[in-house]
Amino acid sequence: MKWATSHGVSGCWWAWRLLLERKPPTSGMALPQAAWSWGGLILEKLLIFQWGAPSQLAADLAEDPQRMRAAVINQMVEDKLFSPPLQARMESEDEQDYTEEQASAFQQQFDAEIDQRIATMSQEEKQQAVESLANTYIASLSLSDRLEGTFSFWDLLWFGLAIATAFQIASGASAGNAEA
């Protein structure tokens, strides 16, 4: 993944360079070249976020015990793996006034069931839980959130270089053709 992110601009440039080898560039190609470079960078970011981010997020979740716990809670809630009384209370929409003792007992039972589930899970089941949480999180993000989450200051530099290179290739090649 790191190779793809650090070589995206050169990959777009080489794609255009291959096209230029077949047909002499003109100044009219500068804008399409810049658009191709820009579009390639955006597409690359989306692809990285779609297929690279879930595995990285899952790895990060698996390293932290609190995040692993959150992943197991998410799985237990989605798959309704709590004991029937606890599950019924969690699904209850009645706004009841619970005493402090009842709320404390509920929390203790909730924590005990989660701790028991974590203790009995295999490494593969834990991995499935964190992957499920990572995929759920990523699926909840909009396209703009996905793009926003992947860009940094360096990407502005890459965009600028891609567009400047595209214009320079077309403009320089046109000037070279005019002199010849």
N, C-alpha and C. Protein backbone atom coordinates (compact mmCIF):
# COMPACT_ATOMS: atom_id res chain seq x y z
N MET A 1 0.83 -1.18 0.00
CA MET A 1 0.00 0.00 0.00
C MET A 1 0.88 1.25 0.00
N LYS A 2 1.98 1.22 0.77
CA LYS A 2 2.84 2.40 0.81
C LYS A 2 3.45 2.66 -0.56
N TRP A 3 3.79 1.61 -1.30
CA TRP A 3 4.35 1.79 -2.63
C TRP A 3 3.34 2.50 -3.52
N ALA A 4 2.08 2.06 -3.46
CA ALA A 4 1.05 2.65 -4.32
C ALA A 4 0.83 4.12 -3.97
N THR A 5 0.86 4.46 -2.69
CA THR A 5 0.60 5.85 -2.33
C THR A 5 1.77 6.75 -2.69
N SER A 6 2.98 6.23 -2.62
CA SER A 6 4.12 7.09 -2.92
C SER A 6 4.46 7.12 -4.41
N HIS A 7 3.87 6.24 -5.20
CA HIS A 7 4.16 6.21 -6.63
C HIS A 7 2.96 6.55 -7.50
N GLY A 8 1.92 7.09 -6.92
CA GLY A 8 0.71 7.40 -7.68
C GLY A 8 0.93 8.44 -8.75
N VAL A 9 1.65 9.50 -8.40
CA VAL A 9 1.88 10.57 -9.37
C VAL A 9 2.73 10.04 -10.51
N SER A 10 3.78 9.30 -10.19
CA SER A 10 4.63 8.80 -11.26
C SER A 10 3.88 7.79 -12.11
N GLY A 11 2.97 7.03 -11.51
CA GLY A 11 2.16 6.08 -12.29
C GLY A 11 1.27 6.80 -13.28
N CYS A 12 0.65 7.89 -12.86
CA CYS A 12 -0.19 8.69 -13.77
C CYS A 12 0.68 9.34 -14.84
N TRP A 13 1.86 9.81 -14.45
CA TRP A 13 2.74 10.46 -15.41
C TRP A 13 3.19 9.45 -16.46
N TRP A 14 3.56 8.24 -16.03
CA TRP A 14 4.01 7.23 -16.99
C TRP A 14 2.89 6.80 -17.92
N ALA A 15 1.68 6.75 -17.42
CA ALA A 15 0.55 6.40 -18.29
C ALA A 15 0.41 7.44 -19.40
N TRP A 16 0.51 8.70 -19.03
CA TRP A 16 0.43 9.75 -20.04
C TRP A 16 1.65 9.73 -20.95
N ARG A 17 2.79 9.42 -20.40
CA ARG A 17 4.02 9.37 -21.20
C ARG A 17 3.89 8.29 -22.28
N LEU A 18 3.30 7.14 -21.92
CA LEU A 18 3.09 6.09 -22.92
C LEU A 18 2.15 6.56 -24.03
N LEU A 19 1.15 7.30 -23.66
CA LEU A 19 0.24 7.84 -24.67
C LEU A 19 0.95 8.86 -25.56
N LEU A 20 1.84 9.65 -24.96
CA LEU A 20 2.55 10.67 -25.72
C LEU A 20 3.54 10.06 -26.71
N GLU A 21 4.08 8.91 -26.35
CA GLU A 21 5.04 8.26 -27.25
C GLU A 21 4.36 7.86 -28.56
N ARG A 22 3.08 7.57 -28.50
CA ARG A 22 2.34 7.16 -29.69
C ARG A 22 1.92 8.35 -30.54
N LYS A 23 1.64 9.45 -29.88
CA LYS A 23 1.14 10.63 -30.60
C LYS A 23 1.88 11.85 -30.07
N PRO A 24 2.40 12.67 -30.95
CA PRO A 24 3.12 13.86 -30.46
C PRO A 24 2.19 14.75 -29.63
N PRO A 25 2.66 15.22 -28.48
CA PRO A 25 1.81 16.06 -27.64
C PRO A 25 1.61 17.44 -28.25
N THR A 26 0.49 18.00 -27.92
CA THR A 26 0.19 19.37 -28.32
C THR A 26 -0.22 20.14 -27.09
N SER A 27 -0.26 21.44 -27.20
CA SER A 27 -0.65 22.24 -26.04
C SER A 27 -2.11 21.97 -25.67
N GLY A 28 -2.90 21.50 -26.62
CA GLY A 28 -4.29 21.16 -26.32
C GLY A 28 -4.42 19.93 -25.45
N MET A 29 -3.34 19.16 -25.31
CA MET A 29 -3.38 17.96 -24.47
C MET A 29 -3.07 18.28 -23.01
N ALA A 30 -2.67 19.50 -22.70
CA ALA A 30 -2.29 19.84 -21.34
C ALA A 30 -3.45 19.66 -20.37
N LEU A 31 -4.60 20.16 -20.72
CA LEU A 31 -5.75 20.05 -19.82
C LEU A 31 -6.19 18.59 -19.64
N PRO A 32 -6.32 17.80 -20.71
CA PRO A 32 -6.67 16.39 -20.49
C PRO A 32 -5.61 15.64 -19.68
N GLN A 33 -4.35 15.98 -19.88
CA GLN A 33 -3.29 15.34 -19.09
C GLN A 33 -3.43 15.69 -17.62
N ALA A 34 -3.70 16.94 -17.34
CA ALA A 34 -3.88 17.37 -15.95
C ALA A 34 -5.10 16.69 -15.34
N ALA A 35 -6.18 16.61 -16.10
CA ALA A 35 -7.39 15.95 -15.60
C ALA A 35 -7.12 14.47 -15.35
N TRP A 36 -6.39 13.83 -16.24
CA TRP A 36 -6.05 12.41 -16.08
C TRP A 36 -5.23 12.21 -14.80
N SER A 37 -4.25 13.07 -14.58
CA SER A 37 -3.41 12.97 -13.39
C SER A 37 -4.23 13.19 -12.13
N TRP A 38 -5.07 14.22 -12.14
CA TRP A 38 -5.91 14.53 -10.99
C TRP A 38 -6.88 13.39 -10.72
N GLY A 39 -7.54 12.90 -11.78
CA GLY A 39 -8.48 11.79 -11.62
C GLY A 39 -7.81 10.53 -11.12
N GLY A 40 -6.59 10.27 -11.59
CA GLY A 40 -5.85 9.10 -11.13
C GLY A 40 -5.53 9.17 -9.65
N LEU A 41 -5.17 10.35 -9.18
CA LEU A 41 -4.87 10.51 -7.75
C LEU A 41 -6.12 10.33 -6.89
N ILE A 42 -7.24 10.88 -7.34
CA ILE A 42 -8.49 10.72 -6.59
C ILE A 42 -8.90 9.25 -6.56
N LEU A 43 -8.85 8.59 -7.71
CA LEU A 43 -9.20 7.18 -7.79
C LEU A 43 -8.29 6.34 -6.90
N GLU A 44 -7.02 6.65 -6.92
CA GLU A 44 -6.07 5.92 -6.09
C GLU A 44 -6.41 6.07 -4.61
N LYS A 45 -6.74 7.26 -4.18
CA LYS A 45 -7.10 7.48 -2.78
C LYS A 45 -8.35 6.68 -2.41
N LEU A 46 -9.34 6.68 -3.28
CA LEU A 46 -10.56 5.93 -3.00
C LEU A 46 -10.29 4.42 -2.94
N LEU A 47 -9.47 3.93 -3.84
CA LEU A 47 -9.15 2.50 -3.84
C LEU A 47 -8.38 2.11 -2.58
N ILE A 48 -7.45 2.95 -2.19
CA ILE A 48 -6.69 2.67 -0.98
C ILE A 48 -7.62 2.65 0.23
N PHE A 49 -8.53 3.63 0.29
CA PHE A 49 -9.43 3.68 1.42
C PHE A 49 -10.40 2.50 1.42
N GLN A 50 -10.84 2.09 0.23
CA GLN A 50 -11.81 1.00 0.15
C GLN A 50 -11.19 -0.34 0.52
N TRP A 51 -9.99 -0.61 0.02
CA TRP A 51 -9.41 -1.94 0.24
C TRP A 51 -8.24 -1.96 1.20
N GLY A 52 -7.57 -0.87 1.39
CA GLY A 52 -6.43 -0.84 2.29
C GLY A 52 -6.79 -0.45 3.71
N ALA A 53 -7.70 0.47 3.85
CA ALA A 53 -8.05 0.99 5.17
C ALA A 53 -8.70 -0.05 6.08
N PRO A 54 -9.62 -0.90 5.60
CA PRO A 54 -10.23 -1.86 6.53
C PRO A 54 -9.22 -2.78 7.21
N SER A 55 -8.25 -3.28 6.46
CA SER A 55 -7.27 -4.17 7.07
C SER A 55 -6.37 -3.42 8.05
N GLN A 56 -6.01 -2.19 7.72
CA GLN A 56 -5.19 -1.40 8.63
C GLN A 56 -5.97 -1.04 9.89
N LEU A 57 -7.23 -0.66 9.72
CA LEU A 57 -8.08 -0.33 10.86
C LEU A 57 -8.29 -1.56 11.74
N ALA A 58 -8.51 -2.71 11.13
CA ALA A 58 -8.68 -3.96 11.89
C ALA A 58 -7.42 -4.29 12.67
N ALA A 59 -6.25 -4.09 12.06
CA ALA A 59 -4.99 -4.35 12.76
C ALA A 59 -4.83 -3.41 13.96
N ASP A 60 -5.20 -2.15 13.78
CA ASP A 60 -5.13 -1.19 14.88
C ASP A 60 -6.10 -1.56 16.00
N LEU A 61 -7.30 -1.99 15.63
CA LEU A 61 -8.29 -2.38 16.63
C LEU A 61 -7.82 -3.60 17.42
N ALA A 62 -7.19 -4.55 16.74
CA ALA A 62 -6.77 -5.79 17.39
C ALA A 62 -5.64 -5.56 18.39
N GLU A 63 -4.85 -4.51 18.20
CA GLU A 63 -3.72 -4.25 19.09
C GLU A 63 -4.14 -3.67 20.44
N ASP A 64 -5.23 -2.95 20.47
CA ASP A 64 -5.66 -2.25 21.68
C ASP A 64 -6.77 -3.05 22.38
N PRO A 65 -6.56 -3.44 23.63
CA PRO A 65 -7.58 -4.24 24.33
C PRO A 65 -8.94 -3.55 24.45
N GLN A 66 -8.95 -2.23 24.63
CA GLN A 66 -10.22 -1.51 24.74
C GLN A 66 -10.96 -1.50 23.40
N ARG A 67 -10.21 -1.35 22.33
CA ARG A 67 -10.84 -1.38 21.01
C ARG A 67 -11.30 -2.78 20.65
N MET A 68 -10.53 -3.78 21.07
CA MET A 68 -10.96 -5.16 20.86
C MET A 68 -12.26 -5.41 21.61
N ARG A 69 -12.35 -4.88 22.79
CA ARG A 69 -13.57 -5.01 23.59
C ARG A 69 -14.74 -4.36 22.87
N ALA A 70 -14.51 -3.18 22.30
CA ALA A 70 -15.56 -2.49 21.55
C ALA A 70 -16.00 -3.32 20.35
N ALA A 71 -15.05 -3.97 19.69
CA ALA A 71 -15.39 -4.82 18.54
C ALA A 71 -16.23 -6.02 18.98
N VAL A 72 -15.90 -6.59 20.12
CA VAL A 72 -16.67 -7.73 20.63
C VAL A 72 -18.07 -7.28 21.05
N ILE A 73 -18.17 -6.13 21.67
CA ILE A 73 -19.49 -5.59 22.04
C ILE A 73 -20.32 -5.38 20.79
N ASN A 74 -19.72 -4.80 19.77
CA ASN A 74 -20.42 -4.57 18.51
C ASN A 74 -20.93 -5.90 17.93
N GLN A 75 -20.09 -6.91 17.93
CA GLN A 75 -20.48 -8.21 17.40
C GLN A 75 -21.60 -8.83 18.24
N MET A 76 -21.47 -8.73 19.56
CA MET A 76 -22.49 -9.32 20.43
C MET A 76 -23.84 -8.61 20.27
N VAL A 77 -23.81 -7.32 20.08
CA VAL A 77 -25.06 -6.57 19.89
C VAL A 77 -25.68 -6.93 18.52
N GLU A 78 -24.86 -6.93 17.47
CA GLU A 78 -25.37 -7.25 16.13
C GLU A 78 -25.92 -8.66 16.04
N ASP A 79 -25.19 -9.62 16.63
CA ASP A 79 -25.58 -11.03 16.52
C ASP A 79 -26.48 -11.48 17.67
N LYS A 80 -26.80 -10.56 18.58
CA LYS A 80 -27.67 -10.84 19.73
C LYS A 80 -27.15 -12.03 20.53
N LEU A 81 -25.91 -11.91 20.98
CA LEU A 81 -25.23 -12.99 21.69
C LEU A 81 -25.28 -12.85 23.21
N PHE A 82 -25.98 -11.85 23.71
CA PHE A 82 -26.10 -11.70 25.17
C PHE A 82 -27.13 -12.69 25.68
N SER A 83 -27.12 -12.92 26.98
CA SER A 83 -28.11 -13.82 27.58
C SER A 83 -29.50 -13.23 27.34
N PRO A 84 -30.53 -14.09 27.27
CA PRO A 84 -31.88 -13.59 26.97
C PRO A 84 -32.36 -12.45 27.88
N PRO A 85 -32.17 -12.54 29.21
CA PRO A 85 -32.65 -11.41 30.04
C PRO A 85 -31.91 -10.11 29.75
N LEU A 86 -30.59 -10.22 29.54
CA LEU A 86 -29.81 -9.02 29.25
C LEU A 86 -30.16 -8.48 27.86
N GLN A 87 -30.33 -9.36 26.91
CA GLN A 87 -30.70 -8.95 25.55
C GLN A 87 -32.07 -8.26 25.56
N ALA A 88 -33.02 -8.82 26.31
CA ALA A 88 -34.36 -8.24 26.39
C ALA A 88 -34.30 -6.84 27.01
N ARG A 89 -33.48 -6.70 28.03
CA ARG A 89 -33.37 -5.39 28.67
C ARG A 89 -32.72 -4.38 27.74
N MET A 90 -31.74 -4.82 26.96
CA MET A 90 -31.07 -3.92 26.02
C MET A 90 -32.01 -3.49 24.90
N GLU A 91 -32.89 -4.39 24.48
CA GLU A 91 -33.81 -4.09 23.39
C GLU A 91 -35.07 -3.38 23.85
N SER A 92 -35.27 -3.34 25.14
CA SER A 92 -36.46 -2.70 25.70
C SER A 92 -36.43 -1.20 25.39
N GLU A 93 -37.55 -0.73 24.88
CA GLU A 93 -37.66 0.68 24.57
C GLU A 93 -38.33 1.45 25.70
N ASP A 94 -38.74 0.74 26.71
CA ASP A 94 -39.37 1.40 27.85
C ASP A 94 -38.32 2.18 28.62
N GLU A 95 -38.64 3.40 28.89
CA GLU A 95 -37.76 4.24 29.68
C GLU A 95 -38.13 4.04 31.15
N GLN A 96 -37.51 3.06 31.74
CA GLN A 96 -37.82 2.78 33.14
C GLN A 96 -36.79 3.48 34.02
N ASP A 97 -37.26 3.82 35.19
CA ASP A 97 -36.34 4.38 36.18
C ASP A 97 -35.76 3.22 36.97
N TYR A 98 -34.50 2.94 36.70
CA TYR A 98 -33.83 1.86 37.43
C TYR A 98 -33.13 2.44 38.63
N THR A 99 -33.14 1.67 39.67
CA THR A 99 -32.41 2.11 40.85
C THR A 99 -30.92 2.00 40.55
N GLU A 100 -30.15 2.60 41.39
CA GLU A 100 -28.70 2.55 41.21
C GLU A 100 -28.19 1.11 41.30
N GLU A 101 -28.79 0.34 42.18
CA GLU A 101 -28.40 -1.07 42.34
C GLU A 101 -28.74 -1.87 41.08
N GLN A 102 -29.90 -1.62 40.48
CA GLN A 102 -30.29 -2.33 39.27
C GLN A 102 -29.37 -1.97 38.10
N ALA A 103 -29.06 -0.70 37.98
CA ALA A 103 -28.16 -0.25 36.91
C ALA A 103 -26.77 -0.83 37.10
N SER A 104 -26.30 -0.90 38.35
CA SER A 104 -25.00 -1.47 38.64
C SER A 104 -24.98 -2.97 38.35
N ALA A 105 -26.05 -3.66 38.70
CA ALA A 105 -26.15 -5.10 38.42
C ALA A 105 -26.17 -5.36 36.92
N PHE A 106 -26.90 -4.52 36.20
CA PHE A 106 -26.95 -4.63 34.74
C PHE A 106 -25.56 -4.44 34.16
N GLN A 107 -24.84 -3.43 34.60
CA GLN A 107 -23.50 -3.16 34.09
C GLN A 107 -22.55 -4.30 34.42
N GLN A 108 -22.67 -4.85 35.62
CA GLN A 108 -21.80 -5.97 36.00
C GLN A 108 -22.09 -7.20 35.14
N GLN A 109 -23.36 -7.48 34.89
CA GLN A 109 -23.72 -8.62 34.06
C GLN A 109 -23.24 -8.39 32.62
N PHE A 110 -23.41 -7.19 32.14
CA PHE A 110 -22.96 -6.81 30.79
C PHE A 110 -21.45 -7.03 30.67
N ASP A 111 -20.68 -6.51 31.62
CA ASP A 111 -19.23 -6.66 31.61
C ASP A 111 -18.81 -8.12 31.73
N ALA A 112 -19.50 -8.87 32.59
CA ALA A 112 -19.15 -10.28 32.78
C ALA A 112 -19.37 -11.08 31.51
N GLU A 113 -20.46 -10.83 30.81
CA GLU A 113 -20.73 -11.56 29.58
C GLU A 113 -19.73 -11.21 28.48
N ILE A 114 -19.35 -9.95 28.44
CA ILE A 114 -18.35 -9.54 27.44
C ILE A 114 -17.00 -10.18 27.77
N ASP A 115 -16.60 -10.12 29.05
CA ASP A 115 -15.32 -10.71 29.44
C ASP A 115 -15.30 -12.21 29.17
N GLN A 116 -16.42 -12.88 29.45
CA GLN A 116 -16.51 -14.31 29.19
C GLN A 116 -16.39 -14.59 27.69
N ARG A 117 -17.05 -13.79 26.88
CA ARG A 117 -17.00 -13.98 25.43
C ARG A 117 -15.57 -13.78 24.91
N ILE A 118 -14.90 -12.75 25.38
CA ILE A 118 -13.52 -12.49 24.94
C ILE A 118 -12.61 -13.64 25.35
N ALA A 119 -12.80 -14.15 26.55
CA ALA A 119 -11.95 -15.23 27.05
C ALA A 119 -12.14 -16.53 26.25
N THR A 120 -13.33 -16.75 25.74
CA THR A 120 -13.59 -18.01 25.03
C THR A 120 -13.41 -17.89 23.51
N MET A 121 -13.14 -16.71 23.02
CA MET A 121 -12.98 -16.51 21.57
C MET A 121 -11.61 -16.98 21.10
N SER A 122 -11.60 -17.59 19.93
CA SER A 122 -10.34 -17.94 19.29
C SER A 122 -9.76 -16.68 18.65
N GLN A 123 -8.50 -16.77 18.24
CA GLN A 123 -7.88 -15.63 17.58
C GLN A 123 -8.61 -15.30 16.28
N GLU A 124 -9.08 -16.31 15.58
CA GLU A 124 -9.82 -16.09 14.33
C GLU A 124 -11.14 -15.38 14.58
N GLU A 125 -11.83 -15.75 15.65
CA GLU A 125 -13.09 -15.08 15.99
C GLU A 125 -12.85 -13.62 16.38
N LYS A 126 -11.75 -13.37 17.09
CA LYS A 126 -11.41 -11.99 17.44
C LYS A 126 -11.12 -11.18 16.19
N GLN A 127 -10.40 -11.79 15.25
CA GLN A 127 -10.09 -11.11 14.00
C GLN A 127 -11.37 -10.79 13.22
N GLN A 128 -12.30 -11.73 13.21
CA GLN A 128 -13.58 -11.51 12.54
C GLN A 128 -14.34 -10.35 13.20
N ALA A 129 -14.28 -10.28 14.52
CA ALA A 129 -14.97 -9.20 15.24
C ALA A 129 -14.39 -7.84 14.88
N VAL A 130 -13.06 -7.72 14.85
CA VAL A 130 -12.47 -6.42 14.53
C VAL A 130 -12.68 -6.07 13.06
N GLU A 131 -12.64 -7.06 12.17
CA GLU A 131 -12.90 -6.79 10.76
C GLU A 131 -14.35 -6.35 10.55
N SER A 132 -15.26 -6.95 11.28
CA SER A 132 -16.66 -6.57 11.18
C SER A 132 -16.86 -5.12 11.63
N LEU A 133 -16.23 -4.75 12.75
CA LEU A 133 -16.34 -3.38 13.24
C LEU A 133 -15.70 -2.40 12.26
N ALA A 134 -14.54 -2.76 11.71
CA ALA A 134 -13.87 -1.88 10.75
C ALA A 134 -14.73 -1.70 9.50
N ASN A 135 -15.29 -2.78 8.99
CA ASN A 135 -16.12 -2.68 7.80
C ASN A 135 -17.40 -1.90 8.06
N THR A 136 -17.98 -2.08 9.23
CA THR A 136 -19.18 -1.33 9.61
C THR A 136 -18.87 0.16 9.66
N TYR A 137 -17.74 0.49 10.26
CA TYR A 137 -17.34 1.90 10.36
C TYR A 137 -17.11 2.51 8.98
N ILE A 138 -16.36 1.82 8.15
CA ILE A 138 -16.05 2.36 6.82
C ILE A 138 -17.30 2.47 5.97
N ALA A 139 -18.19 1.49 6.08
CA ALA A 139 -19.44 1.55 5.30
C ALA A 139 -20.32 2.73 5.73
N SER A 140 -20.16 3.17 6.97
CA SER A 140 -20.98 4.29 7.45
C SER A 140 -20.48 5.64 6.96
N LEU A 141 -19.29 5.69 6.39
CA LEU A 141 -18.73 6.95 5.93
C LEU A 141 -19.23 7.31 4.53
N SER A 142 -19.48 8.58 4.32
CA SER A 142 -19.88 9.06 2.99
C SER A 142 -18.63 9.17 2.12
N LEU A 143 -18.85 9.36 0.83
CA LEU A 143 -17.73 9.50 -0.11
C LEU A 143 -16.85 10.69 0.27
N SER A 144 -17.46 11.79 0.64
CA SER A 144 -16.66 12.97 1.01
C SER A 144 -15.86 12.70 2.29
N ASP A 145 -16.44 11.97 3.25
CA ASP A 145 -15.71 11.63 4.46
C ASP A 145 -14.53 10.71 4.15
N ARG A 146 -14.74 9.78 3.22
CA ARG A 146 -13.66 8.87 2.83
C ARG A 146 -12.50 9.64 2.20
N LEU A 147 -12.84 10.57 1.31
CA LEU A 147 -11.79 11.36 0.68
C LEU A 147 -11.09 12.25 1.70
N GLU A 148 -11.89 12.90 2.53
CA GLU A 148 -11.33 13.81 3.53
C GLU A 148 -10.39 13.07 4.48
N GLY A 149 -10.75 11.83 4.81
CA GLY A 149 -9.93 11.05 5.73
C GLY A 149 -8.62 10.57 5.16
N THR A 150 -8.48 10.60 3.85
CA THR A 150 -7.25 10.09 3.25
C THR A 150 -6.29 11.17 2.80
N PHE A 151 -6.73 12.42 2.76
CA PHE A 151 -5.87 13.48 2.24
C PHE A 151 -5.09 14.16 3.34
N SER A 152 -3.90 14.59 2.96
CA SER A 152 -3.05 15.34 3.87
C SER A 152 -2.41 16.49 3.09
N PHE A 153 -1.57 17.23 3.75
CA PHE A 153 -0.87 18.33 3.10
C PHE A 153 -0.05 17.83 1.92
N TRP A 154 0.54 16.66 2.06
CA TRP A 154 1.41 16.13 1.00
C TRP A 154 0.62 15.87 -0.28
N ASP A 155 -0.64 15.53 -0.15
CA ASP A 155 -1.45 15.28 -1.33
C ASP A 155 -1.64 16.55 -2.15
N LEU A 156 -1.72 17.69 -1.48
CA LEU A 156 -1.80 18.96 -2.22
C LEU A 156 -0.54 19.15 -3.05
N LEU A 157 0.59 18.80 -2.47
CA LEU A 157 1.84 18.87 -3.20
C LEU A 157 1.80 17.93 -4.41
N TRP A 158 1.33 16.70 -4.21
CA TRP A 158 1.27 15.74 -5.32
C TRP A 158 0.31 16.22 -6.41
N PHE A 159 -0.83 16.78 -6.01
CA PHE A 159 -1.77 17.30 -7.01
C PHE A 159 -1.12 18.41 -7.82
N GLY A 160 -0.46 19.32 -7.12
CA GLY A 160 0.21 20.42 -7.81
C GLY A 160 1.28 19.92 -8.76
N LEU A 161 2.08 18.96 -8.30
CA LEU A 161 3.12 18.41 -9.16
C LEU A 161 2.55 17.67 -10.36
N ALA A 162 1.47 16.94 -10.15
CA ALA A 162 0.85 16.19 -11.25
C ALA A 162 0.33 17.13 -12.31
N ILE A 163 -0.35 18.17 -11.88
CA ILE A 163 -0.92 19.11 -12.84
C ILE A 163 0.19 19.92 -13.52
N ALA A 164 1.17 20.36 -12.76
CA ALA A 164 2.28 21.12 -13.35
C ALA A 164 3.06 20.25 -14.33
N THR A 165 3.29 19.01 -13.98
CA THR A 165 4.01 18.11 -14.88
C THR A 165 3.24 17.87 -16.15
N ALA A 166 1.94 17.67 -16.03
CA ALA A 166 1.11 17.44 -17.22
C ALA A 166 1.17 18.65 -18.15
N PHE A 167 1.05 19.85 -17.61
CA PHE A 167 1.12 21.05 -18.45
C PHE A 167 2.52 21.23 -19.03
N GLN A 168 3.53 20.93 -18.24
CA GLN A 168 4.89 21.09 -18.73
C GLN A 168 5.20 20.11 -19.86
N ILE A 169 4.73 18.89 -19.72
CA ILE A 169 4.97 17.89 -20.77
C ILE A 169 4.33 18.36 -22.07
N ALA A 170 3.09 18.77 -21.99
CA ALA A 170 2.39 19.19 -23.22
C ALA A 170 2.96 20.49 -23.75
N SER A 171 3.20 21.46 -22.90
CA SER A 171 3.71 22.75 -23.36
C SER A 171 5.14 22.65 -23.87
N GLY A 172 5.97 21.90 -23.11
CA GLY A 172 7.36 21.75 -23.53
C GLY A 172 7.47 20.97 -24.82
N ALA A 173 6.65 19.96 -24.98
CA ALA A 173 6.69 19.17 -26.20
C ALA A 173 6.21 20.00 -27.38
N SER A 174 5.23 20.87 -27.16
CA SER A 174 4.73 21.72 -28.24
C SER A 174 5.78 22.71 -28.67
N ALA A 175 6.47 23.29 -27.67
CA ALA A 175 7.51 24.26 -27.97
C ALA A 175 8.65 23.58 -28.72
N GLY A 176 8.96 22.35 -28.31
CA GLY A 176 10.01 21.59 -28.98
C GLY A 176 9.62 21.26 -30.41
N ASN A 177 8.36 20.95 -30.65
CA ASN A 177 7.89 20.64 -32.00
C ASN A 177 7.89 21.89 -32.87
N ALA A 178 7.62 23.05 -32.28
CA ALA A 178 7.58 24.31 -33.06
C ALA A 178 8.97 24.71 -33.50
N GLU A 179 9.97 24.45 -32.63
CA GLU A 179 11.34 24.81 -32.97
C GLU A 179 11.89 23.90 -34.07
N ALA A 180 11.47 22.67 -34.09
CA ALA A 180 12.02 21.71 -35.04
C ALA A 180 11.48 21.88 -36.40
